[in-house]
Amino acid sequence: MTACPCQSGLDYSQCCQPLHQGKPAPSPQALMRSRFCAFALNNTAYLSSSWHPSQRPATLTLDTDEQWLALEILHCDTDDDTGTVHFRAISKNRQGLSVLEENSRFVKENGHWLYLDGTPKSSALKLGRNDPCPCGSTRKFKKCCG
């Protein structure tokens, strides 16, 4: 059993994997979690298929040096066939840690939630070596992802 990268507390096979294999997401939050997981696993096919066709980029290439460590859902709102998710995600690359915060919009079409667009804000994250690791391991940053 492997913990899901979206940090839901569930096993990947019971959380995001069924969505990655084609099962419709039951809510915008579930789709957001599965998209974060897809970023963490470099699953560009799922990211493209879960993106609304009107906004989907023609090609999608992810930075293979970027490691997605943590996801925090700050607020969700759903109204029939539209939804929003405000989240914060932490990643690590060669330049260090960064925080991506976004208000994302979702739309439901033909029984499937799709990512429409978002308003992102990115900033550097400074952690001390003895701070808890943002990946959720409960270890110190220096002994984990640092």
Protein backbone atom coordinates (compact mmCIF):
# COMPACT_ATOMS: atom_id res chain seq x y z
CA MET A 1 0.00 0.00 0.00
CA THR A 2 1.27 3.43 -0.97
CA ALA A 3 0.00 6.69 0.50
CA CYS A 4 -1.63 8.95 -2.08
CA PRO A 5 0.52 11.97 -2.98
CA CYS A 6 -2.51 14.24 -2.51
CA GLN A 7 -2.19 13.66 1.26
CA SER A 8 -5.81 12.59 1.71
CA GLY A 9 -4.65 9.91 4.14
CA LEU A 10 -5.87 7.17 1.80
CA ASP A 11 -3.92 4.65 -0.22
CA TYR A 12 -3.27 5.77 -3.83
CA SER A 13 -5.26 2.77 -5.13
CA GLN A 14 -8.31 3.93 -3.15
CA CYS A 15 -7.92 7.65 -3.79
CA CYS A 16 -6.55 9.18 -7.00
CA GLN A 17 -5.60 6.09 -9.00
CA PRO A 18 -9.21 5.25 -10.02
CA LEU A 19 -9.60 8.82 -11.30
CA HIS A 20 -6.30 8.57 -13.17
CA GLN A 21 -7.70 5.40 -14.77
CA GLY A 22 -10.88 7.13 -16.00
CA LYS A 23 -13.38 7.12 -13.13
CA PRO A 24 -15.16 10.52 -12.96
CA ALA A 25 -14.23 12.73 -10.01
CA PRO A 26 -17.21 13.11 -7.64
CA SER A 27 -16.42 16.77 -6.84
CA PRO A 28 -14.15 19.68 -7.78
CA GLN A 29 -12.07 18.98 -4.65
CA ALA A 30 -11.54 15.34 -5.69
CA LEU A 31 -10.51 16.51 -9.16
CA MET A 32 -8.11 19.08 -7.64
CA ARG A 33 -6.54 16.39 -5.45
CA SER A 34 -6.19 14.03 -8.42
CA ARG A 35 -4.59 16.77 -10.51
CA PHE A 36 -2.08 17.55 -7.75
CA CYS A 37 -1.33 13.83 -7.58
CA ALA A 38 -0.88 13.77 -11.38
CA PHE A 39 1.62 16.65 -11.12
CA ALA A 40 3.46 14.70 -8.39
CA LEU A 41 3.53 11.56 -10.57
CA ASN A 42 4.27 13.42 -13.83
CA ASN A 43 1.03 12.11 -15.37
CA THR A 44 0.59 14.60 -18.22
CA ALA A 45 -2.04 12.46 -19.96
CA TYR A 46 -4.39 12.77 -16.98
CA LEU A 47 -3.68 16.47 -16.55
CA SER A 48 -4.62 17.08 -20.19
CA SER A 49 -7.74 14.92 -20.08
CA SER A 50 -9.00 16.60 -16.90
CA TRP A 51 -8.49 20.10 -18.37
CA HIS A 52 -11.49 21.73 -20.09
CA PRO A 53 -10.92 21.64 -23.89
CA SER A 54 -11.48 25.41 -24.20
CA GLN A 55 -8.50 26.11 -21.92
CA ARG A 56 -6.31 23.02 -22.43
CA PRO A 57 -2.81 23.75 -23.77
CA ALA A 58 -1.90 22.05 -27.05
CA THR A 59 1.10 20.43 -25.38
CA LEU A 60 1.97 19.96 -21.74
CA THR A 61 5.48 19.41 -20.48
CA LEU A 62 6.23 19.26 -16.77
CA ASP A 63 9.50 20.18 -15.11
CA THR A 64 10.96 16.79 -14.18
CA ASP A 65 13.18 18.46 -11.56
CA GLU A 66 10.13 19.75 -9.68
CA GLN A 67 8.93 17.59 -6.80
CA TRP A 68 5.44 18.28 -5.45
CA LEU A 69 5.50 17.82 -1.68
CA ALA A 70 2.25 19.00 -0.12
CA LEU A 71 -1.30 20.05 -0.86
CA GLU A 72 -3.60 22.01 1.42
CA ILE A 73 -7.22 22.64 0.43
CA LEU A 74 -8.20 26.02 1.91
CA HIS A 75 -11.78 26.34 0.63
CA CYS A 76 -14.21 24.57 -1.73
CA ASP A 77 -17.53 25.67 -3.17
CA THR A 78 -19.81 23.71 -5.50
CA ASP A 79 -23.03 24.79 -7.20
CA ASP A 80 -24.57 22.15 -9.48
CA ASP A 81 -22.24 22.22 -12.50
CA THR A 82 -19.64 24.75 -11.35
CA GLY A 83 -17.17 24.77 -8.52
CA THR A 84 -14.14 26.49 -7.07
CA VAL A 85 -11.23 25.22 -5.01
CA HIS A 86 -8.77 27.47 -3.23
CA PHE A 87 -5.59 25.52 -2.52
CA ARG A 88 -1.95 25.86 -1.56
CA ALA A 89 0.70 23.48 -2.92
CA ILE A 90 4.36 23.23 -1.99
CA SER A 91 7.02 22.12 -4.44
CA LYS A 92 10.78 21.75 -4.48
CA ASN A 93 13.18 22.29 -7.39
CA ARG A 94 16.82 23.30 -7.91
CA GLN A 95 16.10 26.85 -6.70
CA GLY A 96 14.50 25.65 -3.44
CA LEU A 97 10.97 25.45 -2.08
CA SER A 98 8.03 27.38 -3.45
CA VAL A 99 4.35 27.80 -2.66
CA LEU A 100 1.70 27.91 -5.35
CA GLU A 101 -1.63 29.29 -4.17
CA GLU A 102 -4.54 29.28 -6.58
CA ASN A 103 -8.26 29.85 -6.80
CA SER A 104 -9.27 27.26 -9.39
CA ARG A 105 -12.55 27.08 -11.32
CA PHE A 106 -14.17 23.82 -12.38
CA VAL A 107 -17.10 22.94 -14.58
CA LYS A 108 -19.08 19.70 -14.85
CA GLU A 109 -19.86 18.49 -18.37
CA ASN A 110 -21.36 15.13 -19.33
CA GLY A 111 -20.95 13.87 -15.76
CA HIS A 112 -17.25 14.79 -15.55
CA TRP A 113 -15.67 17.60 -13.56
CA LEU A 114 -13.03 19.48 -15.56
CA TYR A 115 -10.45 22.07 -14.55
CA LEU A 116 -11.31 25.33 -16.29
CA ASP A 117 -8.75 27.88 -15.09
CA GLY A 118 -7.27 29.52 -12.04
CA THR A 119 -5.65 32.59 -10.59
CA PRO A 120 -2.22 31.43 -9.39
CA LYS A 121 0.20 33.19 -7.07
CA SER A 122 3.67 31.75 -6.52
CA SER A 123 6.28 32.65 -3.92
CA ALA A 124 9.45 31.24 -2.39
CA LEU A 125 9.12 29.27 0.84
CA LYS A 126 11.83 29.52 3.48
CA LEU A 127 12.09 26.68 5.99
CA GLY A 128 14.68 26.14 8.68
CA ARG A 129 16.56 22.84 8.71
CA ASN A 130 14.80 21.82 11.93
CA ASP A 131 11.28 22.79 10.79
CA PRO A 132 8.83 19.97 10.09
CA CYS A 133 8.95 18.77 6.49
CA PRO A 134 6.00 20.05 4.42
CA CYS A 135 5.53 16.62 2.81
CA GLY A 136 3.70 15.41 5.92
CA SER A 137 6.29 12.83 7.00
CA THR A 138 6.52 14.27 10.57
CA ARG A 139 10.33 14.30 10.18
CA LYS A 140 12.52 17.38 10.23
CA PHE A 141 12.96 19.07 6.84
CA LYS A 142 16.75 18.47 6.83
CA LYS A 143 16.24 14.69 7.34
CA CYS A 144 13.47 14.38 4.77
CA CYS A 145 13.03 16.55 1.67
CA GLY A 146 15.76 19.07 2.55
